[in-house]
Amino acid sequence: MDLTATAEQRACWQYDEPAPGAERFIEEAFDSYRQQARMLLADAEQAPSVFVVGGARSDFTRLNPLLYRLQQQGIGSLTGNLSGHSRASEPGALAPSLAINLAEALRFHRHIAEQCDTLIGHSLGGAIALKMAAQLPAVRKLVLICPAVYPDAAHQVPFGPAFSAAIRQPYAFLDCDSYGFLRQFQGRVLLVIGEYDGLNSKAFGQGPGTSAGTRWLSGVQRYSPIPEEVTHALVRSVPAPHVECLLLTDCDHGIAAHLRDAPQVADQVAEVVAAFIRD
C-alpha cells in the first residue's frame, strides 16, 4: 500500500480539521483522472480498519465527527473521494454515476481488503456499500447511516436530471437486488436513522412510495429525502437476530451535521458503532 503523509487537495476539503491520530493518503489512477482516499490509523488497534462510503455532496471529511471518535477508540478507517460529489473529487470521471462510484470504492477497498470485514455507508453511500458487500464475501458487518436505496437501472445513469427522474419514480427503489442480498446475508447490520428521516409521505400530501422532502415540524425545518418504505424494506430484509437499529431523536437525514453540532450525541453514537464493530 503506497501511503503519503500529505494531501495536495487539502484546500478543497469540506472540513480541514486535525485528526486525533495519524492520517495517511492513497491516490488511485483511473482512466483519465485520479482520486484520493484518506486512512485514519489507530494507535492501539481494537479492530481491523473499516471501509467508509460517503454520501452525495460529501468528501472524506464529512463523517469526521464519527470517524475521529472511532479512531480514538482504536478503529481506523479508509474513506475515498468519489467522482461527482465534492470539490476534492474534481475533475473526476467525465459522467459520474453510482456504477462509477462503486468501481472507485472497490478499487480503494482493495488496499485493506485482507483485514476489512466492516463497511460503513452514509446516505447515497449506503446504496453503494450494499452493492459492495454483495461482491465481498469477507464483509460480515454493515453500518448503514440514513441509507438510500436506488433502483438497479439508476446505477448506470449519470448524475443529473435523468438520475433524479429515475430515482423519484414511486416505489422505484424496490426494484433493487440489494434486498435479496440482505435476505441471504449471513452477517449483521446496524441501521443508524434520524427520527425525522423516512417520514410518511402520505401524511404530507405526497404520493406513496416517495419521500416527504423538506417539512416544517413544530417550527423546525426537517429534511426527509428517504421514503418511509425504504427503511421498512431494509429492516424486513434482514433476519431479525442480525439487525440492530439506532434511532437518533431530534435528527433528520442530516446525521453528519447533527453529530457535529451535538458532541455528546456523537460520543454516544460512536460508542454504539464501535461496540458493533468490535463484537
C-alpha atoms as a PDB file:
ATOM      1  CA  MET A   1       0.000   0.000   0.000  1.00  0.00           C
ATOM      2  CA  ASP A   2       1.504   3.339  -1.113  1.00  0.00           C
ATOM      3  CA  LEU A   3       0.695   5.843   1.641  1.00  0.00           C
ATOM      4  CA  THR A   4       1.657   9.512   1.771  1.00  0.00           C
ATOM      5  CA  ALA A   5       1.516  11.900   4.714  1.00  0.00           C
ATOM      6  CA  THR A   6       0.217  14.914   2.782  1.00  0.00           C
ATOM      7  CA  ALA A   7      -2.793  15.709   0.596  1.00  0.00           C
ATOM      8  CA  GLU A   8      -2.434  18.152  -2.296  1.00  0.00           C
ATOM      9  CA  GLN A   9      -6.175  18.861  -2.375  1.00  0.00           C
ATOM     10  CA  ARG A  10      -6.444  19.779   1.288  1.00  0.00           C
ATOM     11  CA  ALA A  11      -7.652  23.294   0.441  1.00  0.00           C
ATOM     12  CA  CYS A  12     -10.699  21.704  -1.219  1.00  0.00           C
ATOM     13  CA  TRP A  13     -11.771  19.634   1.777  1.00  0.00           C
ATOM     14  CA  GLN A  14     -15.160  20.347   3.290  1.00  0.00           C
ATOM     15  CA  TYR A  15     -13.707  20.205   6.819  1.00  0.00           C
ATOM     16  CA  ASP A  16      -9.998  20.786   7.272  1.00  0.00           C
ATOM     17  CA  GLU A  17      -9.584  19.908  10.938  1.00  0.00           C
ATOM     18  CA  PRO A  18      -6.849  17.957  12.705  1.00  0.00           C
ATOM     19  CA  ALA A  19      -7.320  14.243  13.152  1.00  0.00           C
ATOM     20  CA  PRO A  20      -6.829  12.845  16.680  1.00  0.00           C
ATOM     21  CA  GLY A  21      -4.225  10.406  15.357  1.00  0.00           C
ATOM     22  CA  ALA A  22      -2.166   9.634  12.303  1.00  0.00           C
ATOM     23  CA  GLU A  23      -3.677  10.064   8.852  1.00  0.00           C
ATOM     24  CA  ARG A  24      -2.299   8.881   5.539  1.00  0.00           C
ATOM     25  CA  PHE A  25      -3.452   9.253   1.945  1.00  0.00           C
ATOM     26  CA  ILE A  26      -3.779   6.917  -1.024  1.00  0.00           C
ATOM     27  CA  GLU A  27      -4.053   8.110  -4.601  1.00  0.00           C
ATOM     28  CA  GLU A  28      -5.611   5.916  -7.277  1.00  0.00           C
ATOM     29  CA  ALA A  29      -5.226   6.473 -11.016  1.00  0.00           C
ATOM     30  CA  PHE A  30      -8.309   5.759 -13.098  1.00  0.00           C
ATOM     31  CA  ASP A  31      -8.631   6.001 -16.891  1.00  0.00           C
ATOM     32  CA  SER A  32      -8.413   9.770 -17.219  1.00  0.00           C
ATOM     33  CA  TYR A  33      -8.352  11.081 -13.656  1.00  0.00           C
ATOM     34  CA  ARG A  34      -7.113  10.460 -10.138  1.00  0.00           C
ATOM     35  CA  GLN A  35      -8.914  10.210  -6.821  1.00  0.00           C
ATOM     36  CA  GLN A  36      -7.647  10.235  -3.263  1.00  0.00           C
ATOM     37  CA  ALA A  37      -8.612   8.327  -0.134  1.00  0.00           C
ATOM     38  CA  ARG A  38      -7.760   9.044   3.492  1.00  0.00           C
ATOM     39  CA  MET A  39      -6.770   6.430   6.020  1.00  0.00           C
ATOM     40  CA  LEU A  40      -7.135   7.190   9.714  1.00  0.00           C
ATOM     41  CA  LEU A  41      -4.737   4.992  11.686  1.00  0.00           C
ATOM     42  CA  ALA A  42      -5.471   3.794  15.209  1.00  0.00           C
ATOM     43  CA  ASP A  43      -2.652   3.999  17.754  1.00  0.00           C
ATOM     44  CA  ALA A  44      -3.779   0.886  19.619  1.00  0.00           C
ATOM     45  CA  GLU A  45      -5.893  -1.115  17.184  1.00  0.00           C
ATOM     46  CA  GLN A  46      -9.012  -2.659  18.714  1.00  0.00           C
ATOM     47  CA  ALA A  47     -10.473  -3.928  15.428  1.00  0.00           C
ATOM     48  CA  PRO A  48      -9.482  -4.010  11.757  1.00  0.00           C
ATOM     49  CA  SER A  49      -9.955  -0.791   9.823  1.00  0.00           C
ATOM     50  CA  VAL A  50     -13.391  -0.211   8.341  1.00  0.00           C
ATOM     51  CA  PHE A  51     -14.150   0.981   4.821  1.00  0.00           C
ATOM     52  CA  VAL A  52     -16.420   4.019   4.556  1.00  0.00           C
ATOM     53  CA  VAL A  53     -18.563   5.169   1.630  1.00  0.00           C
ATOM     54  CA  GLY A  54     -19.703   8.776   1.928  1.00  0.00           C
ATOM     55  CA  GLY A  55     -22.947  10.298   0.782  1.00  0.00           C
ATOM     56  CA  ALA A  56     -23.871  12.658  -2.026  1.00  0.00           C
ATOM     57  CA  ARG A  57     -22.073  16.008  -1.947  1.00  0.00           C
ATOM     58  CA  SER A  58     -19.577  14.588   0.548  1.00  0.00           C
ATOM     59  CA  ASP A  59     -15.830  14.207   0.662  1.00  0.00           C
ATOM     60  CA  PHE A  60     -13.907  12.011   3.071  1.00  0.00           C
ATOM     61  CA  THR A  61     -14.116  14.623   5.840  1.00  0.00           C
ATOM     62  CA  ARG A  62     -17.929  14.774   6.122  1.00  0.00           C
ATOM     63  CA  LEU A  63     -18.114  11.994   8.705  1.00  0.00           C
ATOM     64  CA  ASN A  64     -15.203  13.271  10.821  1.00  0.00           C
ATOM     65  CA  PRO A  65     -17.410  13.529  13.947  1.00  0.00           C
ATOM     66  CA  LEU A  66     -17.872   9.751  13.845  1.00  0.00           C
ATOM     67  CA  LEU A  67     -14.627   8.580  12.236  1.00  0.00           C
ATOM     68  CA  TYR A  68     -12.385  10.619  14.534  1.00  0.00           C
ATOM     69  CA  ARG A  69     -14.100   9.131  17.564  1.00  0.00           C
ATOM     70  CA  LEU A  70     -13.710   5.627  16.169  1.00  0.00           C
ATOM     71  CA  GLN A  71     -10.019   6.345  15.604  1.00  0.00           C
ATOM     72  CA  GLN A  72      -9.689   7.347  19.259  1.00  0.00           C
ATOM     73  CA  GLN A  73     -11.325   4.049  20.221  1.00  0.00           C
ATOM     74  CA  GLY A  74      -8.814   2.001  18.266  1.00  0.00           C
ATOM     75  CA  ILE A  75     -10.745   1.596  14.991  1.00  0.00           C
ATOM     76  CA  GLY A  76      -9.150   3.020  11.868  1.00  0.00           C
ATOM     77  CA  SER A  77     -10.922   3.756   8.605  1.00  0.00           C
ATOM     78  CA  LEU A  78     -10.367   4.237   4.888  1.00  0.00           C
ATOM     79  CA  THR A  79     -12.643   6.637   3.008  1.00  0.00           C
ATOM     80  CA  GLY A  80     -12.303   7.509  -0.672  1.00  0.00           C
ATOM     81  CA  ASN A  81     -13.413  10.614  -2.517  1.00  0.00           C
ATOM     82  CA  LEU A  82     -15.836   9.568  -5.246  1.00  0.00           C
ATOM     83  CA  SER A  83     -16.476  11.356  -8.537  1.00  0.00           C
ATOM     84  CA  GLY A  84     -19.293  13.848  -8.761  1.00  0.00           C
ATOM     85  CA  HIS A  85     -19.710  14.694  -5.088  1.00  0.00           C
ATOM     86  CA  SER A  86     -17.246  17.341  -3.904  1.00  0.00           C
ATOM     87  CA  ARG A  87     -14.602  19.879  -4.864  1.00  0.00           C
ATOM     88  CA  ALA A  88     -11.977  17.466  -3.547  1.00  0.00           C
ATOM     89  CA  SER A  89     -13.051  14.851  -6.110  1.00  0.00           C
ATOM     90  CA  GLU A  90     -12.862  17.180  -9.128  1.00  0.00           C
ATOM     91  CA  PRO A  91     -12.384  16.780 -12.021  1.00  0.00           C
ATOM     92  CA  GLY A  92     -13.130  13.089 -11.573  1.00  0.00           C
ATOM     93  CA  ALA A  93     -14.976  10.895 -14.052  1.00  0.00           C
ATOM     94  CA  LEU A  94     -16.464  12.646 -17.067  1.00  0.00           C
ATOM     95  CA  ALA A  95     -20.011  11.368 -16.450  1.00  0.00           C
ATOM     96  CA  PRO A  96     -20.077  10.080 -12.848  1.00  0.00           C
ATOM     97  CA  SER A  97     -22.737   7.620 -11.788  1.00  0.00           C
ATOM     98  CA  LEU A  98     -23.432   5.168  -8.989  1.00  0.00           C
ATOM     99  CA  ALA A  99     -21.781   2.442 -11.077  1.00  0.00           C
ATOM    100  CA  ILE A 100     -18.625   4.526 -11.450  1.00  0.00           C
ATOM    101  CA  ASN A 101     -18.667   5.344  -7.729  1.00  0.00           C
ATOM    102  CA  LEU A 102     -18.966   1.627  -6.972  1.00  0.00           C
ATOM    103  CA  ALA A 103     -15.949   0.857  -9.161  1.00  0.00           C
ATOM    104  CA  GLU A 104     -13.959   3.629  -7.457  1.00  0.00           C
ATOM    105  CA  ALA A 105     -14.907   2.396  -3.985  1.00  0.00           C
ATOM    106  CA  LEU A 106     -13.959  -1.193  -4.832  1.00  0.00           C
ATOM    107  CA  ARG A 107     -10.552  -0.025  -6.074  1.00  0.00           C
ATOM    108  CA  PHE A 108      -9.882   1.820  -2.836  1.00  0.00           C
ATOM    109  CA  HIS A 109     -11.192  -1.061  -0.732  1.00  0.00           C
ATOM    110  CA  ARG A 110      -8.543  -3.392  -2.166  1.00  0.00           C
ATOM    111  CA  HIS A 111      -5.929  -1.641  -0.016  1.00  0.00           C
ATOM    112  CA  ILE A 112      -7.449  -3.058   3.192  1.00  0.00           C
ATOM    113  CA  ALA A 113      -9.449  -5.981   1.794  1.00  0.00           C
ATOM    114  CA  GLU A 114      -7.429  -8.694   3.550  1.00  0.00           C
ATOM    115  CA  GLN A 115      -8.333  -7.414   7.015  1.00  0.00           C
ATOM    116  CA  CYS A 116     -11.546  -5.419   6.468  1.00  0.00           C
ATOM    117  CA  ASP A 117     -14.827  -7.070   7.475  1.00  0.00           C
ATOM    118  CA  THR A 118     -16.937  -3.939   8.058  1.00  0.00           C
ATOM    119  CA  LEU A 119     -18.406  -1.384   5.658  1.00  0.00           C
ATOM    120  CA  ILE A 120     -19.974   1.916   6.694  1.00  0.00           C
ATOM    121  CA  GLY A 121     -22.300   3.562   4.164  1.00  0.00           C
ATOM    122  CA  HIS A 122     -23.761   7.042   4.611  1.00  0.00           C
ATOM    123  CA  SER A 123     -26.901   8.082   2.669  1.00  0.00           C
ATOM    124  CA  LEU A 124     -26.116   7.505  -1.042  1.00  0.00           C
ATOM    125  CA  GLY A 125     -23.063   5.633   0.212  1.00  0.00           C
ATOM    126  CA  GLY A 126     -25.394   3.139   1.863  1.00  0.00           C
ATOM    127  CA  ALA A 127     -26.652   2.063  -1.559  1.00  0.00           C
ATOM    128  CA  ILE A 128     -23.063   1.667  -2.754  1.00  0.00           C
ATOM    129  CA  ALA A 129     -21.987  -0.191   0.404  1.00  0.00           C
ATOM    130  CA  LEU A 130     -24.785  -2.724  -0.152  1.00  0.00           C
ATOM    131  CA  LYS A 131     -23.583  -3.340  -3.709  1.00  0.00           C
ATOM    132  CA  MET A 132     -20.017  -3.683  -2.435  1.00  0.00           C
ATOM    133  CA  ALA A 133     -20.954  -6.182   0.255  1.00  0.00           C
ATOM    134  CA  ALA A 134     -22.652  -8.366  -2.351  1.00  0.00           C
ATOM    135  CA  GLN A 135     -19.263  -8.674  -4.101  1.00  0.00           C
ATOM    136  CA  LEU A 136     -17.109  -9.040  -0.975  1.00  0.00           C
ATOM    137  CA  PRO A 137     -17.684 -12.317   0.901  1.00  0.00           C
ATOM    138  CA  ALA A 138     -15.323 -11.254   3.702  1.00  0.00           C
ATOM    139  CA  VAL A 139     -17.686  -8.455   4.777  1.00  0.00           C
ATOM    140  CA  ARG A 140     -19.560  -9.547   7.891  1.00  0.00           C
ATOM    141  CA  LYS A 141     -20.854  -6.221   9.226  1.00  0.00           C
ATOM    142  CA  LEU A 142     -22.683  -3.300   7.633  1.00  0.00           C
ATOM    143  CA  VAL A 143     -23.263   0.062   9.311  1.00  0.00           C
ATOM    144  CA  LEU A 144     -25.863   1.922   7.242  1.00  0.00           C
ATOM    145  CA  ILE A 145     -26.322   5.566   8.242  1.00  0.00           C
ATOM    146  CA  CYS A 146     -29.590   7.082   6.921  1.00  0.00           C
ATOM    147  CA  PRO A 147     -29.157   4.760   3.919  1.00  0.00           C
ATOM    148  CA  ALA A 148     -30.612   5.311   0.478  1.00  0.00           C
ATOM    149  CA  VAL A 149     -31.547   2.514  -1.902  1.00  0.00           C
ATOM    150  CA  TYR A 150     -31.919   3.150  -5.623  1.00  0.00           C
ATOM    151  CA  PRO A 151     -33.407   1.093  -8.463  1.00  0.00           C
ATOM    152  CA  ASP A 152     -30.808  -1.039 -10.195  1.00  0.00           C
ATOM    153  CA  ALA A 153     -31.454   0.722 -13.507  1.00  0.00           C
ATOM    154  CA  ALA A 154     -30.469   4.078 -11.971  1.00  0.00           C
ATOM    155  CA  HIS A 155     -26.950   2.891 -11.164  1.00  0.00           C
ATOM    156  CA  GLN A 156     -25.863   3.282 -14.785  1.00  0.00           C
ATOM    157  CA  VAL A 157     -27.449   6.733 -15.271  1.00  0.00           C
ATOM    158  CA  PRO A 158     -25.077   9.721 -14.940  1.00  0.00           C
ATOM    159  CA  PHE A 159     -25.874  12.051 -12.061  1.00  0.00           C
ATOM    160  CA  GLY A 160     -28.116  14.917 -13.093  1.00  0.00           C
ATOM    161  CA  PRO A 161     -31.730  15.333 -14.246  1.00  0.00           C
ATOM    162  CA  ALA A 162     -32.046  11.829 -15.699  1.00  0.00           C
ATOM    163  CA  PHE A 163     -30.748  10.232 -12.491  1.00  0.00           C
ATOM    164  CA  SER A 164     -33.080  12.367 -10.365  1.00  0.00           C
ATOM    165  CA  ALA A 165     -36.043  11.390 -12.541  1.00  0.00           C
ATOM    166  CA  ALA A 166     -35.153   7.699 -12.290  1.00  0.00           C
ATOM    167  CA  ILE A 167     -34.974   7.639  -8.503  1.00  0.00           C
ATOM    168  CA  ARG A 168     -38.095   9.767  -7.926  1.00  0.00           C
ATOM    169  CA  GLN A 169     -40.485   7.297  -9.521  1.00  0.00           C
ATOM    170  CA  PRO A 170     -42.843   5.952  -6.812  1.00  0.00           C
ATOM    171  CA  TYR A 171     -41.606   2.674  -5.368  1.00  0.00           C
ATOM    172  CA  ALA A 172     -38.749   2.517  -7.913  1.00  0.00           C
ATOM    173  CA  PHE A 173     -36.334   1.751  -5.059  1.00  0.00           C
ATOM    174  CA  LEU A 174     -37.952  -1.664  -4.622  1.00  0.00           C
ATOM    175  CA  ASP A 175     -36.510  -2.742  -7.980  1.00  0.00           C
ATOM    176  CA  CYS A 176     -33.096  -3.363  -6.458  1.00  0.00           C
ATOM    177  CA  ASP A 177     -31.273  -6.627  -5.817  1.00  0.00           C
ATOM    178  CA  SER A 178     -29.812  -5.337  -2.535  1.00  0.00           C
ATOM    179  CA  TYR A 179     -32.893  -6.534  -0.656  1.00  0.00           C
ATOM    180  CA  GLY A 180     -32.337 -10.045  -1.985  1.00  0.00           C
ATOM    181  CA  PHE A 181     -28.699  -9.827  -0.949  1.00  0.00           C
ATOM    182  CA  LEU A 182     -29.679  -8.837   2.594  1.00  0.00           C
ATOM    183  CA  ARG A 183     -32.119 -11.735   2.871  1.00  0.00           C
ATOM    184  CA  GLN A 184     -29.248 -14.186   2.421  1.00  0.00           C
ATOM    185  CA  PHE A 185     -26.529 -12.098   4.136  1.00  0.00           C
ATOM    186  CA  GLN A 186     -25.013 -14.088   6.987  1.00  0.00           C
ATOM    187  CA  GLY A 187     -23.539 -11.058   8.727  1.00  0.00           C
ATOM    188  CA  ARG A 188     -25.022  -8.304  10.872  1.00  0.00           C
ATOM    189  CA  VAL A 189     -26.473  -4.888  10.059  1.00  0.00           C
ATOM    190  CA  LEU A 190     -26.633  -1.725  12.169  1.00  0.00           C
ATOM    191  CA  LEU A 191     -29.061   0.935  10.917  1.00  0.00           C
ATOM    192  CA  VAL A 192     -28.478   4.481  12.198  1.00  0.00           C
ATOM    193  CA  ILE A 193     -31.513   6.601  11.371  1.00  0.00           C
ATOM    194  CA  GLY A 194     -32.712  10.087  12.238  1.00  0.00           C
ATOM    195  CA  GLU A 195     -36.107  10.398  13.888  1.00  0.00           C
ATOM    196  CA  TYR A 196     -37.349  12.729  11.156  1.00  0.00           C
ATOM    197  CA  ASP A 197     -35.941  10.891   8.154  1.00  0.00           C
ATOM    198  CA  GLY A 198     -38.193   8.419   6.374  1.00  0.00           C
ATOM    199  CA  LEU A 199     -41.336  10.380   7.214  1.00  0.00           C
ATOM    200  CA  ASN A 200     -44.626   9.057   5.875  1.00  0.00           C
ATOM    201  CA  SER A 201     -45.086  10.830   2.546  1.00  0.00           C
ATOM    202  CA  LYS A 202     -48.882  10.473   2.508  1.00  0.00           C
ATOM    203  CA  ALA A 203     -49.118  12.356   5.799  1.00  0.00           C
ATOM    204  CA  PHE A 204     -47.641  15.365   3.984  1.00  0.00           C
ATOM    205  CA  GLY A 205     -49.759  15.215   0.857  1.00  0.00           C
ATOM    206  CA  GLN A 206     -47.260  13.288  -1.265  1.00  0.00           C
ATOM    207  CA  GLY A 207     -47.908  10.044  -3.104  1.00  0.00           C
ATOM    208  CA  PRO A 208     -46.998   6.713  -1.521  1.00  0.00           C
ATOM    209  CA  GLY A 209     -43.573   5.304  -2.267  1.00  0.00           C
ATOM    210  CA  THR A 210     -41.948   8.741  -2.446  1.00  0.00           C
ATOM    211  CA  SER A 211     -40.109  10.956   0.019  1.00  0.00           C
ATOM    212  CA  ALA A 212     -41.725  13.549   2.258  1.00  0.00           C
ATOM    213  CA  GLY A 213     -38.998  16.043   1.312  1.00  0.00           C
ATOM    214  CA  THR A 214     -38.366  19.143   3.425  1.00  0.00           C
ATOM    215  CA  ARG A 215     -41.058  19.876   6.008  1.00  0.00           C
ATOM    216  CA  TRP A 216     -41.632  22.265   8.889  1.00  0.00           C
ATOM    217  CA  LEU A 217     -42.432  20.396  12.099  1.00  0.00           C
ATOM    218  CA  SER A 218     -43.064  22.319  15.315  1.00  0.00           C
ATOM    219  CA  GLY A 219     -41.311  25.334  13.830  1.00  0.00           C
ATOM    220  CA  VAL A 220     -38.203  23.403  12.769  1.00  0.00           C
ATOM    221  CA  GLN A 221     -37.305  22.541   9.172  1.00  0.00           C
ATOM    222  CA  ARG A 222     -36.739  18.814   8.733  1.00  0.00           C
ATOM    223  CA  TYR A 223     -35.205  17.117   5.697  1.00  0.00           C
ATOM    224  CA  SER A 224     -36.616  13.667   4.915  1.00  0.00           C
ATOM    225  CA  PRO A 225     -35.435  12.502   1.464  1.00  0.00           C
ATOM    226  CA  ILE A 226     -35.616   8.780   2.247  1.00  0.00           C
ATOM    227  CA  PRO A 227     -39.041   7.230   1.575  1.00  0.00           C
ATOM    228  CA  GLU A 228     -40.531   5.573   4.633  1.00  0.00           C
ATOM    229  CA  GLU A 229     -40.880   2.349   2.657  1.00  0.00           C
ATOM    230  CA  VAL A 230     -37.103   2.154   2.071  1.00  0.00           C
ATOM    231  CA  THR A 231     -36.380   1.838   5.773  1.00  0.00           C
ATOM    232  CA  HIS A 232     -39.194  -0.678   6.232  1.00  0.00           C
ATOM    233  CA  ALA A 233     -37.948  -2.770   3.296  1.00  0.00           C
ATOM    234  CA  LEU A 234     -34.389  -2.792   4.652  1.00  0.00           C
ATOM    235  CA  VAL A 235     -35.489  -3.879   8.128  1.00  0.00           C
ATOM    236  CA  ARG A 236     -37.733  -6.610   6.709  1.00  0.00           C
ATOM    237  CA  SER A 237     -34.926  -7.909   4.502  1.00  0.00           C
ATOM    238  CA  VAL A 238     -32.509  -8.674   7.345  1.00  0.00           C
ATOM    239  CA  PRO A 239     -33.304 -11.635   9.622  1.00  0.00           C
ATOM    240  CA  ALA A 240     -34.372 -10.227  12.979  1.00  0.00           C
ATOM    241  CA  PRO A 241     -31.423 -11.589  15.017  1.00  0.00           C
ATOM    242  CA  HIS A 242     -28.965  -9.918  12.632  1.00  0.00           C
ATOM    243  CA  VAL A 243     -30.250  -6.330  12.552  1.00  0.00           C
ATOM    244  CA  GLU A 244     -29.942  -3.527  15.092  1.00  0.00           C
ATOM    245  CA  CYS A 245     -31.440  -0.042  14.837  1.00  0.00           C
ATOM    246  CA  LEU A 246     -30.185   3.154  16.439  1.00  0.00           C
ATOM    247  CA  LEU A 247     -32.747   5.968  16.219  1.00  0.00           C
ATOM    248  CA  LEU A 248     -31.425   9.487  16.804  1.00  0.00           C
ATOM    249  CA  THR A 249     -34.034  11.766  18.325  1.00  0.00           C
ATOM    250  CA  ASP A 250     -34.383  15.368  17.140  1.00  0.00           C
ATOM    251  CA  CYS A 251     -32.460  14.460  13.965  1.00  0.00           C
ATOM    252  CA  ASP A 252     -33.447  14.279  10.310  1.00  0.00           C
ATOM    253  CA  HIS A 253     -31.445  12.992   7.309  1.00  0.00           C
ATOM    254  CA  GLY A 254     -28.546  15.313   8.164  1.00  0.00           C
ATOM    255  CA  ILE A 255     -26.918  12.971  10.659  1.00  0.00           C
ATOM    256  CA  ALA A 256     -23.370  14.125   9.919  1.00  0.00           C
ATOM    257  CA  ALA A 257     -24.280  17.731  10.713  1.00  0.00           C
ATOM    258  CA  HIS A 258     -26.213  16.602  13.787  1.00  0.00           C
ATOM    259  CA  LEU A 259     -23.174  14.773  15.162  1.00  0.00           C
ATOM    260  CA  ARG A 260     -21.021  17.831  14.516  1.00  0.00           C
ATOM    261  CA  ASP A 261     -23.456  20.106  16.352  1.00  0.00           C
ATOM    262  CA  ALA A 262     -24.081  17.722  19.256  1.00  0.00           C
ATOM    263  CA  PRO A 263     -20.756  16.291  20.508  1.00  0.00           C
ATOM    264  CA  GLN A 264     -22.392  14.342  23.323  1.00  0.00           C
ATOM    265  CA  VAL A 265     -24.656  12.589  20.833  1.00  0.00           C
ATOM    266  CA  ALA A 266     -21.643  11.913  18.619  1.00  0.00           C
ATOM    267  CA  ASP A 267     -19.883  10.321  21.603  1.00  0.00           C
ATOM    268  CA  GLN A 268     -22.847   8.025  22.208  1.00  0.00           C
ATOM    269  CA  VAL A 269     -23.229   7.065  18.544  1.00  0.00           C
ATOM    270  CA  ALA A 270     -19.508   6.318  18.272  1.00  0.00           C
ATOM    271  CA  GLU A 271     -19.736   4.059  21.338  1.00  0.00           C
ATOM    272  CA  VAL A 272     -22.570   2.073  19.790  1.00  0.00           C
ATOM    273  CA  VAL A 273     -20.875   1.807  16.393  1.00  0.00           C
ATOM    274  CA  ALA A 274     -17.540   0.851  17.950  1.00  0.00           C
ATOM    275  CA  ALA A 275     -19.151  -1.864  20.073  1.00  0.00           C
ATOM    276  CA  PHE A 276     -20.931  -3.220  16.975  1.00  0.00           C
ATOM    277  CA  ILE A 277     -17.658  -3.331  15.024  1.00  0.00           C
ATOM    278  CA  ARG A 278     -15.683  -4.973  17.844  1.00  0.00           C
ATOM    279  CA  ASP A 279     -18.339  -7.578  18.679  1.00  0.00           C
END
